PDB file of N, CA and C in Angstrom:
ATOM      1  N   UNK A   1      41.903  34.852 -61.731  1.00  0.00           N
ATOM      2  CA  UNK A   1      41.472  33.911 -60.651  1.00  0.00           C
ATOM      3  C   UNK A   1      40.177  33.218 -61.182  1.00  0.00           C
ATOM      4  N   UNK A   2      40.292  31.888 -61.220  1.00  0.00           N
ATOM      5  CA  UNK A   2      39.085  31.191 -61.683  1.00  0.00           C
ATOM      6  C   UNK A   2      38.413  30.561 -60.466  1.00  0.00           C
ATOM      7  N   UNK A   3      37.269  30.595 -60.421  1.00  0.00           N
ATOM      8  CA  UNK A   3      36.417  29.944 -59.374  1.00  0.00           C
ATOM      9  C   UNK A   3      35.990  28.686 -59.957  1.00  0.00           C
ATOM     10  N   UNK A   4      36.355  27.652 -59.163  1.00  0.00           N
ATOM     11  CA  UNK A   4      35.822  26.246 -59.496  1.00  0.00           C
ATOM     12  C   UNK A   4      34.706  25.860 -58.560  1.00  0.00           C
ATOM     13  N   UNK A   5      33.664  25.340 -59.029  1.00  0.00           N
ATOM     14  CA  UNK A   5      32.568  24.940 -58.119  1.00  0.00           C
ATOM     15  C   UNK A   5      33.118  23.929 -57.071  1.00  0.00           C
ATOM     16  N   UNK A   6      32.572  24.264 -55.911  1.00  0.00           N
ATOM     17  CA  UNK A   6      32.917  23.363 -54.867  1.00  0.00           C
ATOM     18  C   UNK A   6      31.880  22.174 -54.778  1.00  0.00           C
ATOM     19  N   UNK A   7      32.404  21.006 -54.743  1.00  0.00           N
ATOM     20  CA  UNK A   7      31.383  19.899 -54.801  1.00  0.00           C
ATOM     21  C   UNK A   7      30.650  19.946 -53.422  1.00  0.00           C
ATOM     22  N   UNK A   8      29.437  19.503 -53.450  1.00  0.00           N
ATOM     23  CA  UNK A   8      28.680  19.479 -52.176  1.00  0.00           C
ATOM     24  C   UNK A   8      29.409  18.559 -51.175  1.00  0.00           C
ATOM     25  N   UNK A   9      29.013  18.839 -50.028  1.00  0.00           N
ATOM     26  CA  UNK A   9      29.690  18.155 -48.894  1.00  0.00           C
ATOM     27  C   UNK A   9      29.826  16.659 -49.260  1.00  0.00           C
ATOM     28  N   UNK A  10      31.011  16.153 -49.141  1.00  0.00           N
ATOM     29  CA  UNK A  10      31.185  14.705 -49.460  1.00  0.00           C
ATOM     30  C   UNK A  10      30.249  13.804 -48.615  1.00  0.00           C
ATOM     31  N   UNK A  11      29.862  12.736 -49.166  1.00  0.00           N
ATOM     32  CA  UNK A  11      28.895  11.776 -48.584  1.00  0.00           C
ATOM     33  C   UNK A  11      29.664  11.119 -47.376  1.00  0.00           C
ATOM     34  N   UNK A  12      28.903  10.917 -46.331  1.00  0.00           N
ATOM     35  CA  UNK A  12      29.459  10.239 -45.182  1.00  0.00           C
ATOM     36  C   UNK A  12      29.787   8.806 -45.512  1.00  0.00           C
ATOM     37  N   UNK A  13      30.717   8.336 -44.673  1.00  0.00           N
ATOM     38  CA  UNK A  13      31.218   6.991 -44.954  1.00  0.00           C
ATOM     39  C   UNK A  13      30.193   5.952 -44.988  1.00  0.00           C
ATOM     40  N   UNK A  14      29.215   6.169 -44.214  1.00  0.00           N
ATOM     41  CA  UNK A  14      27.933   5.219 -44.178  1.00  0.00           C
ATOM     42  C   UNK A  14      26.940   5.921 -45.061  1.00  0.00           C
ATOM     43  N   UNK A  15      26.292   5.089 -45.877  1.00  0.00           N
ATOM     44  CA  UNK A  15      25.197   5.606 -46.838  1.00  0.00           C
ATOM     45  C   UNK A  15      23.929   5.779 -46.021  1.00  0.00           C
ATOM     46  N   UNK A  16      23.096   6.533 -46.601  1.00  0.00           N
ATOM     47  CA  UNK A  16      21.831   6.844 -45.942  1.00  0.00           C
ATOM     48  C   UNK A  16      21.013   5.548 -45.746  1.00  0.00           C
ATOM     49  N   UNK A  17      21.024   4.699 -46.742  1.00  0.00           N
ATOM     50  CA  UNK A  17      20.330   3.407 -46.564  1.00  0.00           C
ATOM     51  C   UNK A  17      20.840   2.616 -45.447  1.00  0.00           C
ATOM     52  N   UNK A  18      22.166   2.541 -45.287  1.00  0.00           N
ATOM     53  CA  UNK A  18      22.801   1.884 -44.145  1.00  0.00           C
ATOM     54  C   UNK A  18      22.429   2.489 -42.820  1.00  0.00           C
ATOM     55  N   UNK A  19      22.319   3.737 -42.777  1.00  0.00           N
ATOM     56  CA  UNK A  19      21.877   4.452 -41.526  1.00  0.00           C
ATOM     57  C   UNK A  19      20.453   4.068 -41.085  1.00  0.00           C
ATOM     58  N   UNK A  20      19.645   4.191 -42.212  1.00  0.00           N
ATOM     59  CA  UNK A  20      18.177   3.719 -41.923  1.00  0.00           C
ATOM     60  C   UNK A  20      18.078   2.243 -41.587  1.00  0.00           C
ATOM     61  N   UNK A  21      18.775   1.461 -42.230  1.00  0.00           N
ATOM     62  CA  UNK A  21      18.752  -0.017 -41.750  1.00  0.00           C
ATOM     63  C   UNK A  21      19.235  -0.276 -40.357  1.00  0.00           C
ATOM     64  N   UNK A  22      20.322   0.547 -39.933  1.00  0.00           N
ATOM     65  CA  UNK A  22      20.861   0.439 -38.620  1.00  0.00           C
ATOM     66  C   UNK A  22      19.809   0.979 -37.525  1.00  0.00           C
ATOM     67  N   UNK A  23      19.231   2.129 -37.938  1.00  0.00           N
ATOM     68  CA  UNK A  23      18.278   2.620 -37.018  1.00  0.00           C
ATOM     69  C   UNK A  23      17.086   1.705 -36.792  1.00  0.00           C
ATOM     70  N   UNK A  24      16.640   1.159 -38.045  1.00  0.00           N
ATOM     71  CA  UNK A  24      15.511   0.176 -37.902  1.00  0.00           C
ATOM     72  C   UNK A  24      15.872  -1.106 -37.155  1.00  0.00           C
ATOM     73  N   UNK A  25      17.111  -1.542 -37.344  1.00  0.00           N
ATOM     74  CA  UNK A  25      17.454  -2.713 -36.519  1.00  0.00           C
ATOM     75  C   UNK A  25      17.496  -2.409 -35.058  1.00  0.00           C
ATOM     76  N   UNK A  26      17.973  -1.275 -34.584  1.00  0.00           N
ATOM     77  CA  UNK A  26      18.044  -0.814 -33.226  1.00  0.00           C
ATOM     78  C   UNK A  26      16.568  -0.700 -32.699  1.00  0.00           C
ATOM     79  N   UNK A  27      15.651  -0.083 -33.529  1.00  0.00           N
ATOM     80  CA  UNK A  27      14.266  -0.045 -33.086  1.00  0.00           C
ATOM     81  C   UNK A  27      13.670  -1.416 -32.910  1.00  0.00           C
ATOM     82  N   UNK A  28      13.931  -2.362 -33.848  1.00  0.00           N
ATOM     83  CA  UNK A  28      13.447  -3.707 -33.751  1.00  0.00           C
ATOM     84  C   UNK A  28      13.929  -4.452 -32.432  1.00  0.00           C
ATOM     85  N   UNK A  29      15.204  -4.196 -32.119  1.00  0.00           N
ATOM     86  CA  UNK A  29      15.694  -4.760 -30.927  1.00  0.00           C
ATOM     87  C   UNK A  29      15.075  -4.191 -29.681  1.00  0.00           C
ATOM     88  N   UNK A  30      14.916  -2.911 -29.650  1.00  0.00           N
ATOM     89  CA  UNK A  30      14.227  -2.185 -28.549  1.00  0.00           C
ATOM     90  C   UNK A  30      12.758  -2.751 -28.440  1.00  0.00           C
ATOM     91  N   UNK A  31      12.098  -2.934 -29.580  1.00  0.00           N
ATOM     92  CA  UNK A  31      10.775  -3.430 -29.493  1.00  0.00           C
ATOM     93  C   UNK A  31      10.689  -4.868 -28.951  1.00  0.00           C
ATOM     94  N   UNK A  32      11.599  -5.625 -29.437  1.00  0.00           N
ATOM     95  CA  UNK A  32      11.675  -7.042 -28.884  1.00  0.00           C
ATOM     96  C   UNK A  32      11.901  -7.054 -27.309  1.00  0.00           C
ATOM     97  N   UNK A  33      12.867  -6.245 -26.827  1.00  0.00           N
ATOM     98  CA  UNK A  33      13.122  -6.177 -25.347  1.00  0.00           C
ATOM     99  C   UNK A  33      11.815  -5.605 -24.687  1.00  0.00           C
ATOM    100  N   UNK A  34      11.204  -4.751 -25.266  1.00  0.00           N
ATOM    101  CA  UNK A  34      10.032  -4.133 -24.659  1.00  0.00           C
ATOM    102  C   UNK A  34       8.914  -5.223 -24.569  1.00  0.00           C
ATOM    103  N   UNK A  35       8.739  -6.007 -25.605  1.00  0.00           N
ATOM    104  CA  UNK A  35       7.688  -7.061 -25.662  1.00  0.00           C
ATOM    105  C   UNK A  35       8.098  -8.050 -24.514  1.00  0.00           C
ATOM    106  N   UNK A  36       9.314  -8.456 -24.286  1.00  0.00           N
ATOM    107  CA  UNK A  36       9.759  -9.327 -23.256  1.00  0.00           C
ATOM    108  C   UNK A  36       9.416  -8.726 -21.963  1.00  0.00           C
ATOM    109  N   UNK A  37       9.757  -7.499 -21.781  1.00  0.00           N
ATOM    110  CA  UNK A  37       9.497  -6.814 -20.445  1.00  0.00           C
ATOM    111  C   UNK A  37       8.011  -6.719 -20.096  1.00  0.00           C
ATOM    112  N   UNK A  38       7.179  -6.437 -21.137  1.00  0.00           N
ATOM    113  CA  UNK A  38       5.719  -6.405 -20.915  1.00  0.00           C
ATOM    114  C   UNK A  38       5.216  -7.798 -20.500  1.00  0.00           C
ATOM    115  N   UNK A  39       5.719  -8.788 -21.249  1.00  0.00           N
ATOM    116  CA  UNK A  39       5.321 -10.272 -20.907  1.00  0.00           C
ATOM    117  C   UNK A  39       5.671 -10.582 -19.372  1.00  0.00           C
ATOM    118  N   UNK A  40       6.937 -10.331 -19.056  1.00  0.00           N
ATOM    119  CA  UNK A  40       7.352 -10.449 -17.730  1.00  0.00           C
ATOM    120  C   UNK A  40       6.511  -9.689 -16.691  1.00  0.00           C
ATOM    121  N   UNK A  41       6.208  -8.430 -16.924  1.00  0.00           N
ATOM    122  CA  UNK A  41       5.433  -7.703 -16.023  1.00  0.00           C
ATOM    123  C   UNK A  41       4.007  -8.289 -15.940  1.00  0.00           C
ATOM    124  N   UNK A  42       3.441  -8.770 -17.053  1.00  0.00           N
ATOM    125  CA  UNK A  42       2.117  -9.297 -17.011  1.00  0.00           C
ATOM    126  C   UNK A  42       2.102 -10.610 -16.303  1.00  0.00           C
ATOM    127  N   UNK A  43       3.117 -11.441 -16.386  1.00  0.00           N
ATOM    128  CA  UNK A  43       3.298 -12.633 -15.456  1.00  0.00           C
ATOM    129  C   UNK A  43       3.329 -12.280 -14.050  1.00  0.00           C
ATOM    130  N   UNK A  44       4.076 -11.215 -13.702  1.00  0.00           N
ATOM    131  CA  UNK A  44       4.228 -10.747 -12.296  1.00  0.00           C
ATOM    132  C   UNK A  44       2.907 -10.247 -11.754  1.00  0.00           C
ATOM    133  N   UNK A  45       2.196  -9.543 -12.520  1.00  0.00           N
ATOM    134  CA  UNK A  45       0.812  -9.090 -12.149  1.00  0.00           C
ATOM    135  C   UNK A  45      -0.154 -10.145 -11.916  1.00  0.00           C
ATOM    136  N   UNK A  46      -0.131 -11.171 -12.716  1.00  0.00           N
ATOM    137  CA  UNK A  46      -1.008 -12.373 -12.661  1.00  0.00           C
ATOM    138  C   UNK A  46      -0.653 -13.126 -11.357  1.00  0.00           C
ATOM    139  N   UNK A  47       0.621 -13.278 -11.044  1.00  0.00           N
ATOM    140  CA  UNK A  47       1.019 -14.068  -9.879  1.00  0.00           C
ATOM    141  C   UNK A  47       0.631 -13.233  -8.648  1.00  0.00           C
ATOM    142  N   UNK A  48       0.839 -11.958  -8.690  1.00  0.00           N
ATOM    143  CA  UNK A  48       0.529 -11.173  -7.422  1.00  0.00           C
ATOM    144  C   UNK A  48      -0.901 -11.148  -7.281  1.00  0.00           C
ATOM    145  N   UNK A  49      -1.786 -11.080  -8.318  1.00  0.00           N
ATOM    146  CA  UNK A  49      -3.242 -11.142  -8.108  1.00  0.00           C
ATOM    147  C   UNK A  49      -3.592 -12.450  -7.618  1.00  0.00           C
ATOM    148  N   UNK A  50      -2.967 -13.595  -7.946  1.00  0.00           N
ATOM    149  CA  UNK A  50      -3.365 -14.876  -7.373  1.00  0.00           C
ATOM    150  C   UNK A  50      -2.997 -14.976  -5.837  1.00  0.00           C
ATOM    151  N   UNK A  51      -1.922 -14.231  -5.531  1.00  0.00           N
ATOM    152  CA  UNK A  51      -1.486 -14.170  -4.089  1.00  0.00           C
ATOM    153  C   UNK A  51      -2.492 -13.371  -3.279  1.00  0.00           C
ATOM    154  N   UNK A  52      -2.886 -12.276  -3.909  1.00  0.00           N
ATOM    155  CA  UNK A  52      -3.950 -11.290  -3.232  1.00  0.00           C
ATOM    156  C   UNK A  52      -5.294 -12.138  -3.066  1.00  0.00           C
ATOM    157  N   UNK A  53      -5.617 -12.807  -4.076  1.00  0.00           N
ATOM    158  CA  UNK A  53      -6.859 -13.529  -4.015  1.00  0.00           C
ATOM    159  C   UNK A  53      -6.819 -14.741  -2.855  1.00  0.00           C
ATOM    160  N   UNK A  54      -5.681 -15.421  -2.787  1.00  0.00           N
ATOM    161  CA  UNK A  54      -5.366 -16.360  -1.681  1.00  0.00           C
ATOM    162  C   UNK A  54      -5.483 -15.665  -0.333  1.00  0.00           C
ATOM    163  N   UNK A  55      -4.788 -14.623  -0.181  1.00  0.00           N
ATOM    164  CA  UNK A  55      -4.823 -13.837   1.104  1.00  0.00           C
ATOM    165  C   UNK A  55      -6.132 -13.390   1.492  1.00  0.00           C
ATOM    166  N   UNK A  56      -6.916 -12.942   0.624  1.00  0.00           N
ATOM    167  CA  UNK A  56      -8.304 -12.479   0.877  1.00  0.00           C
ATOM    168  C   UNK A  56      -9.131 -13.686   1.348  1.00  0.00           C
ATOM    169  N   UNK A  57      -9.016 -14.822   0.667  1.00  0.00           N
ATOM    170  CA  UNK A  57      -9.723 -16.016   1.105  1.00  0.00           C
ATOM    171  C   UNK A  57      -9.249 -16.411   2.472  1.00  0.00           C
ATOM    172  N   UNK A  58      -7.990 -16.426   2.750  1.00  0.00           N
ATOM    173  CA  UNK A  58      -7.574 -16.805   4.096  1.00  0.00           C
ATOM    174  C   UNK A  58      -7.948 -15.774   5.178  1.00  0.00           C
ATOM    175  N   UNK A  59      -8.000 -14.562   4.826  1.00  0.00           N
ATOM    176  CA  UNK A  59      -8.548 -13.490   5.822  1.00  0.00           C
ATOM    177  C   UNK A  59      -9.970 -13.828   6.078  1.00  0.00           C
ATOM    178  N   UNK A  60     -10.728 -14.065   5.140  1.00  0.00           N
ATOM    179  CA  UNK A  60     -12.173 -14.291   5.374  1.00  0.00           C
ATOM    180  C   UNK A  60     -12.338 -15.599   6.194  1.00  0.00           C
ATOM    181  N   UNK A  61     -11.609 -16.586   5.974  1.00  0.00           N
ATOM    182  CA  UNK A  61     -11.616 -17.774   6.759  1.00  0.00           C
ATOM    183  C   UNK A  61     -11.256 -17.450   8.245  1.00  0.00           C
ATOM    184  N   UNK A  62     -10.183 -16.772   8.428  1.00  0.00           N
ATOM    185  CA  UNK A  62      -9.861 -16.360   9.737  1.00  0.00           C
ATOM    186  C   UNK A  62     -10.909 -15.601  10.412  1.00  0.00           C
ATOM    187  N   UNK A  63     -11.569 -14.632   9.747  1.00  0.00           N
ATOM    188  CA  UNK A  63     -12.715 -13.898  10.359  1.00  0.00           C
ATOM    189  C   UNK A  63     -13.744 -14.883  10.766  1.00  0.00           C
ATOM    190  N   UNK A  64     -14.150 -15.799   9.879  1.00  0.00           N
ATOM    191  CA  UNK A  64     -15.210 -16.729  10.140  1.00  0.00           C
ATOM    192  C   UNK A  64     -14.845 -17.586  11.380  1.00  0.00           C
ATOM    193  N   UNK A  65     -13.560 -18.026  11.365  1.00  0.00           N
ATOM    194  CA  UNK A  65     -13.173 -18.795  12.643  1.00  0.00           C
ATOM    195  C   UNK A  65     -13.202 -17.823  13.832  1.00  0.00           C
ATOM    196  N   UNK A  66     -12.818 -16.769  13.861  1.00  0.00           N
ATOM    197  CA  UNK A  66     -12.736 -15.855  15.040  1.00  0.00           C
ATOM    198  C   UNK A  66     -14.209 -15.599  15.362  1.00  0.00           C
ATOM    199  N   UNK A  67     -15.102 -15.390  14.439  1.00  0.00           N
ATOM    200  CA  UNK A  67     -16.532 -15.044  14.842  1.00  0.00           C
ATOM    201  C   UNK A  67     -17.216 -16.387  15.447  1.00  0.00           C
ATOM    202  N   UNK A  68     -16.893 -17.439  15.018  1.00  0.00           N
ATOM    203  CA  UNK A  68     -17.460 -18.689  15.507  1.00  0.00           C
ATOM    204  C   UNK A  68     -16.865 -19.219  16.820  1.00  0.00           C
ATOM    205  N   UNK A  69     -15.570 -18.862  16.973  1.00  0.00           N
ATOM    206  CA  UNK A  69     -14.859 -19.289  18.214  1.00  0.00           C
ATOM    207  C   UNK A  69     -15.222 -18.573  19.366  1.00  0.00           C
ATOM    208  N   UNK A  70     -15.409 -17.306  19.248  1.00  0.00           N
ATOM    209  CA  UNK A  70     -15.718 -16.482  20.421  1.00  0.00           C
ATOM    210  C   UNK A  70     -17.184 -16.124  20.388  1.00  0.00           C
ATOM    211  N   UNK A  71     -17.911 -16.374  21.471  1.00  0.00           N
ATOM    212  CA  UNK A  71     -19.327 -15.906  21.495  1.00  0.00           C
ATOM    213  C   UNK A  71     -19.385 -14.402  21.590  1.00  0.00           C
ATOM    214  N   UNK A  72     -20.623 -13.980  21.542  1.00  0.00           N
ATOM    215  CA  UNK A  72     -20.783 -12.490  21.527  1.00  0.00           C
ATOM    216  C   UNK A  72     -20.209 -11.951  22.908  1.00  0.00           C
ATOM    217  N   UNK A  73     -20.320 -10.713  23.012  1.00  0.00           N
ATOM    218  CA  UNK A  73     -19.677 -10.046  24.210  1.00  0.00           C
ATOM    219  C   UNK A  73     -20.178 -10.603  25.489  1.00  0.00           C
ATOM    220  N   UNK A  74     -19.234 -10.972  26.371  1.00  0.00           N
ATOM    221  CA  UNK A  74     -19.428 -11.496  27.639  1.00  0.00           C
ATOM    222  C   UNK A  74     -18.849 -10.671  28.699  1.00  0.00           C
ATOM    223  N   UNK A  75     -19.643 -10.454  29.695  1.00  0.00           N
ATOM    224  CA  UNK A  75     -19.207  -9.525  30.840  1.00  0.00           C
ATOM    225  C   UNK A  75     -18.515 -10.435  31.786  1.00  0.00           C
ATOM    226  N   UNK A  76     -17.436  -9.896  32.428  1.00  0.00           N
ATOM    227  CA  UNK A  76     -16.846 -10.683  33.564  1.00  0.00           C
ATOM    228  C   UNK A  76     -17.691 -10.857  34.817  1.00  0.00           C
ATOM    229  N   UNK A  77     -18.720  -9.990  34.887  1.00  0.00           N
ATOM    230  CA  UNK A  77     -19.706 -10.040  35.906  1.00  0.00           C
ATOM    231  C   UNK A  77     -20.491 -11.212  35.853  1.00  0.00           C
ATOM    232  N   UNK A  78     -20.743 -11.735  34.637  1.00  0.00           N
ATOM    233  CA  UNK A  78     -21.605 -12.926  34.375  1.00  0.00           C
ATOM    234  C   UNK A  78     -20.872 -14.245  34.746  1.00  0.00           C
ATOM    235  N   UNK A  79     -19.579 -14.244  34.846  1.00  0.00           N
ATOM    236  CA  UNK A  79     -18.854 -15.472  35.177  1.00  0.00           C
ATOM    237  C   UNK A  79     -18.592 -15.536  36.643  1.00  0.00           C
ATOM    238  N   UNK A  80     -18.715 -16.899  37.109  1.00  0.00           N
ATOM    239  CA  UNK A  80     -18.499 -17.140  38.539  1.00  0.00           C
ATOM    240  C   UNK A  80     -16.977 -17.127  38.847  1.00  0.00           C
ATOM    241  N   UNK A  81     -16.674 -16.576  39.930  1.00  0.00           N
ATOM    242  CA  UNK A  81     -15.292 -16.720  40.452  1.00  0.00           C
ATOM    243  C   UNK A  81     -14.859 -18.184  40.572  1.00  0.00           C
ATOM    244  N   UNK A  82     -13.606 -18.436  40.555  1.00  0.00           N
ATOM    245  CA  UNK A  82     -13.141 -19.864  40.545  1.00  0.00           C
ATOM    246  C   UNK A  82     -13.357 -20.475  41.954  1.00  0.00           C
ATOM    247  N   UNK A  83     -13.583 -19.685  42.997  1.00  0.00           N
ATOM    248  CA  UNK A  83     -13.782 -20.443  44.208  1.00  0.00           C
ATOM    249  C   UNK A  83     -15.186 -20.877  44.447  1.00  0.00           C
ATOM    250  N   UNK A  84     -16.117 -20.554  43.531  1.00  0.00           N
ATOM    251  CA  UNK A  84     -17.551 -21.051  43.804  1.00  0.00           C
ATOM    252  C   UNK A  84     -17.710 -22.371  43.244  1.00  0.00           C
TER     253      UNK A  84
END
């Protein structure tokens, strides 16, 4: 009985270089999608901050209007009844 050396596991159908290239391509695609997502999120944050700034200005204007429209505390006792 003769023992013949068994060749190492046969190489996969796709070479190592092709696997590395494929993985690199997949990572580049994911990085591109991530960059797009980050840009979109950044635009959303900027737009929301602009809306918040506008709402704060409007709130301050409304407070000013409310303060100037109504005098300080008035008691109903200080007002004359309509029949006088």
